[in-house]
Amino acid sequence: MINARIVLTTAGSADEARKIAEALVDRRLAACVNIVPQIESVYRWEGKVEHAAEWLLVIKTQAAAFKRVRDTIKELHAYNLPECIMLDVCDGDQEYLDWIKKNSS
């Protein structure tokens, strides 16, 4: 069974993205966080279609850490309702999966 997971969230600024990424790695909740700069998001919020520049965080972690990852994102995020979804990892290079396991809890 593969316990590695990918968690996705977005941030409203580069500084916020870095703050969240550094906290997750520092707290050993993620082995790595990729920050994809300046994506454009189109979404419905409070009955209106909105457009925003955001930074996408791709978080490499383990299934057991998801609740703590989610709580950390909520703690540090400026949004009222930050995106936080976990995706299963079906397969991968075993050495890389072991590295995720070793560097996140």
C-alpha atoms as a PDB file:
ATOM      1  CA  MET A   1       0.000   0.000   0.000  1.00  0.00           C
ATOM      2  CA  ILE A   2       1.313   3.437  -0.927  1.00  0.00           C
ATOM      3  CA  ASN A   3       0.820   6.022   1.813  1.00  0.00           C
ATOM      4  CA  ALA A   4       2.170   8.990  -0.147  1.00  0.00           C
ATOM      5  CA  ARG A   5      -0.353  11.707  -0.944  1.00  0.00           C
ATOM      6  CA  ILE A   6      -0.476  14.961  -2.851  1.00  0.00           C
ATOM      7  CA  VAL A   7      -2.349  17.838  -1.228  1.00  0.00           C
ATOM      8  CA  LEU A   8      -3.336  20.887  -3.270  1.00  0.00           C
ATOM      9  CA  THR A   9      -4.009  24.382  -2.016  1.00  0.00           C
ATOM     10  CA  THR A  10      -3.738  27.869  -3.415  1.00  0.00           C
ATOM     11  CA  ALA A  11      -2.515  31.113  -1.869  1.00  0.00           C
ATOM     12  CA  GLY A  12      -3.271  34.719  -2.699  1.00  0.00           C
ATOM     13  CA  SER A  13       0.359  35.859  -2.789  1.00  0.00           C
ATOM     14  CA  ALA A  14       3.883  34.538  -3.183  1.00  0.00           C
ATOM     15  CA  ASP A  15       4.669  35.481   0.423  1.00  0.00           C
ATOM     16  CA  GLU A  16       1.668  33.568   1.748  1.00  0.00           C
ATOM     17  CA  ALA A  17       2.555  30.541  -0.403  1.00  0.00           C
ATOM     18  CA  ARG A  18       6.132  30.558   0.940  1.00  0.00           C
ATOM     19  CA  LYS A  19       4.921  30.957   4.532  1.00  0.00           C
ATOM     20  CA  ILE A  20       2.620  27.944   4.241  1.00  0.00           C
ATOM     21  CA  ALA A  21       5.212  25.834   2.369  1.00  0.00           C
ATOM     22  CA  GLU A  22       7.972  26.577   4.868  1.00  0.00           C
ATOM     23  CA  ALA A  23       5.727  25.818   7.844  1.00  0.00           C
ATOM     24  CA  LEU A  24       4.660  22.468   6.375  1.00  0.00           C
ATOM     25  CA  VAL A  25       8.237  21.399   5.655  1.00  0.00           C
ATOM     26  CA  ASP A  26       9.596  22.811   8.935  1.00  0.00           C
ATOM     27  CA  ARG A  27       6.925  20.950  10.936  1.00  0.00           C
ATOM     28  CA  ARG A  28       7.753  17.771   8.971  1.00  0.00           C
ATOM     29  CA  LEU A  29       4.188  17.602   7.654  1.00  0.00           C
ATOM     30  CA  ALA A  30       5.458  17.620   4.063  1.00  0.00           C
ATOM     31  CA  ALA A  31       8.655  16.359   2.484  1.00  0.00           C
ATOM     32  CA  CYS A  32       8.391  18.967  -0.277  1.00  0.00           C
ATOM     33  CA  VAL A  33       6.083  21.731  -1.440  1.00  0.00           C
ATOM     34  CA  ASN A  34       6.207  23.011  -5.018  1.00  0.00           C
ATOM     35  CA  ILE A  35       4.965  26.549  -5.525  1.00  0.00           C
ATOM     36  CA  VAL A  36       3.589  27.174  -9.001  1.00  0.00           C
ATOM     37  CA  PRO A  37       3.525  30.949  -9.486  1.00  0.00           C
ATOM     38  CA  GLN A  38       0.694  33.091 -10.716  1.00  0.00           C
ATOM     39  CA  ILE A  39      -2.004  30.814 -11.952  1.00  0.00           C
ATOM     40  CA  GLU A  40      -5.345  32.366 -12.781  1.00  0.00           C
ATOM     41  CA  SER A  41      -8.320  30.969 -10.920  1.00  0.00           C
ATOM     42  CA  VAL A  42     -11.934  31.426 -11.968  1.00  0.00           C
ATOM     43  CA  TYR A  43     -14.418  30.415  -9.284  1.00  0.00           C
ATOM     44  CA  ARG A  44     -17.829  31.101  -7.831  1.00  0.00           C
ATOM     45  CA  TRP A  45     -17.797  32.820  -4.421  1.00  0.00           C
ATOM     46  CA  GLU A  46     -20.831  34.202  -2.614  1.00  0.00           C
ATOM     47  CA  GLY A  47     -22.972  34.002  -5.746  1.00  0.00           C
ATOM     48  CA  LYS A  48     -20.524  35.766  -8.078  1.00  0.00           C
ATOM     49  CA  VAL A  49     -17.979  34.545 -10.598  1.00  0.00           C
ATOM     50  CA  GLU A  50     -14.562  35.786  -9.479  1.00  0.00           C
ATOM     51  CA  HIS A  51     -11.108  35.884 -11.082  1.00  0.00           C
ATOM     52  CA  ALA A  52      -7.898  35.916  -9.057  1.00  0.00           C
ATOM     53  CA  ALA A  53      -4.177  35.489  -9.462  1.00  0.00           C
ATOM     54  CA  GLU A  54      -3.088  32.713  -7.111  1.00  0.00           C
ATOM     55  CA  TRP A  55      -0.091  30.538  -6.327  1.00  0.00           C
ATOM     56  CA  LEU A  56      -0.649  26.765  -6.427  1.00  0.00           C
ATOM     57  CA  LEU A  57       1.005  24.643  -3.728  1.00  0.00           C
ATOM     58  CA  VAL A  58       1.652  20.977  -4.548  1.00  0.00           C
ATOM     59  CA  ILE A  59       2.344  19.313  -1.202  1.00  0.00           C
ATOM     60  CA  LYS A  60       4.049  15.903  -0.958  1.00  0.00           C
ATOM     61  CA  THR A  61       3.059  14.168   2.274  1.00  0.00           C
ATOM     62  CA  GLN A  62       1.580  11.001   3.792  1.00  0.00           C
ATOM     63  CA  ALA A  63      -2.051  10.053   4.354  1.00  0.00           C
ATOM     64  CA  ALA A  64      -1.696  10.125   8.135  1.00  0.00           C
ATOM     65  CA  ALA A  65      -0.477  13.745   8.056  1.00  0.00           C
ATOM     66  CA  PHE A  66      -3.459  15.131   6.121  1.00  0.00           C
ATOM     67  CA  LYS A  67      -5.427  16.409   9.127  1.00  0.00           C
ATOM     68  CA  ARG A  68      -2.361  18.288  10.429  1.00  0.00           C
ATOM     69  CA  VAL A  69      -1.582  19.620   6.946  1.00  0.00           C
ATOM     70  CA  ARG A  70      -5.171  20.844   6.617  1.00  0.00           C
ATOM     71  CA  ASP A  71      -5.091  22.442  10.075  1.00  0.00           C
ATOM     72  CA  THR A  72      -1.802  24.200   9.294  1.00  0.00           C
ATOM     73  CA  ILE A  73      -3.172  25.557   6.025  1.00  0.00           C
ATOM     74  CA  LYS A  74      -6.260  26.874   7.840  1.00  0.00           C
ATOM     75  CA  GLU A  75      -4.076  28.378  10.581  1.00  0.00           C
ATOM     76  CA  LEU A  76      -1.807  30.296   8.186  1.00  0.00           C
ATOM     77  CA  HIS A  77      -4.144  31.087   5.293  1.00  0.00           C
ATOM     78  CA  ALA A  78      -5.800  34.460   4.690  1.00  0.00           C
ATOM     79  CA  TYR A  79      -8.821  32.941   2.905  1.00  0.00           C
ATOM     80  CA  ASN A  80     -12.025  32.151   4.808  1.00  0.00           C
ATOM     81  CA  LEU A  81     -12.246  28.846   2.933  1.00  0.00           C
ATOM     82  CA  PRO A  82      -8.860  27.753   1.568  1.00  0.00           C
ATOM     83  CA  GLU A  83      -8.683  24.943  -0.940  1.00  0.00           C
ATOM     84  CA  CYS A  84      -7.342  21.773   0.659  1.00  0.00           C
ATOM     85  CA  ILE A  85      -7.789  18.520  -1.198  1.00  0.00           C
ATOM     86  CA  MET A  86      -5.831  15.289  -0.922  1.00  0.00           C
ATOM     87  CA  LEU A  87      -5.099  13.085  -3.924  1.00  0.00           C
ATOM     88  CA  ASP A  88      -4.015   9.442  -3.771  1.00  0.00           C
ATOM     89  CA  VAL A  89      -0.662   8.470  -5.235  1.00  0.00           C
ATOM     90  CA  CYS A  90      -1.249   5.215  -7.128  1.00  0.00           C
ATOM     91  CA  ASP A  91       2.374   4.442  -7.938  1.00  0.00           C
ATOM     92  CA  GLY A  92       5.786   6.029  -8.111  1.00  0.00           C
ATOM     93  CA  ASP A  93       9.511   5.525  -7.885  1.00  0.00           C
ATOM     94  CA  GLN A  94      10.006   3.569  -4.660  1.00  0.00           C
ATOM     95  CA  GLU A  95      13.082   5.553  -3.631  1.00  0.00           C
ATOM     96  CA  TYR A  96      11.134   8.810  -4.000  1.00  0.00           C
ATOM     97  CA  LEU A  97       8.158   7.398  -2.074  1.00  0.00           C
ATOM     98  CA  ASP A  98      10.551   6.280   0.680  1.00  0.00           C
ATOM     99  CA  TRP A  99      12.016   9.802   0.758  1.00  0.00           C
ATOM    100  CA  ILE A 100       8.528  11.281   1.272  1.00  0.00           C
ATOM    101  CA  LYS A 101       7.938   8.813   4.097  1.00  0.00           C
ATOM    102  CA  LYS A 102      11.279   9.619   5.724  1.00  0.00           C
ATOM    103  CA  ASN A 103      10.761  13.388   5.539  1.00  0.00           C
ATOM    104  CA  SER A 104       7.124  13.738   6.594  1.00  0.00           C
ATOM    105  CA  SER A 105       5.099  12.300   9.413  1.00  0.00           C
END
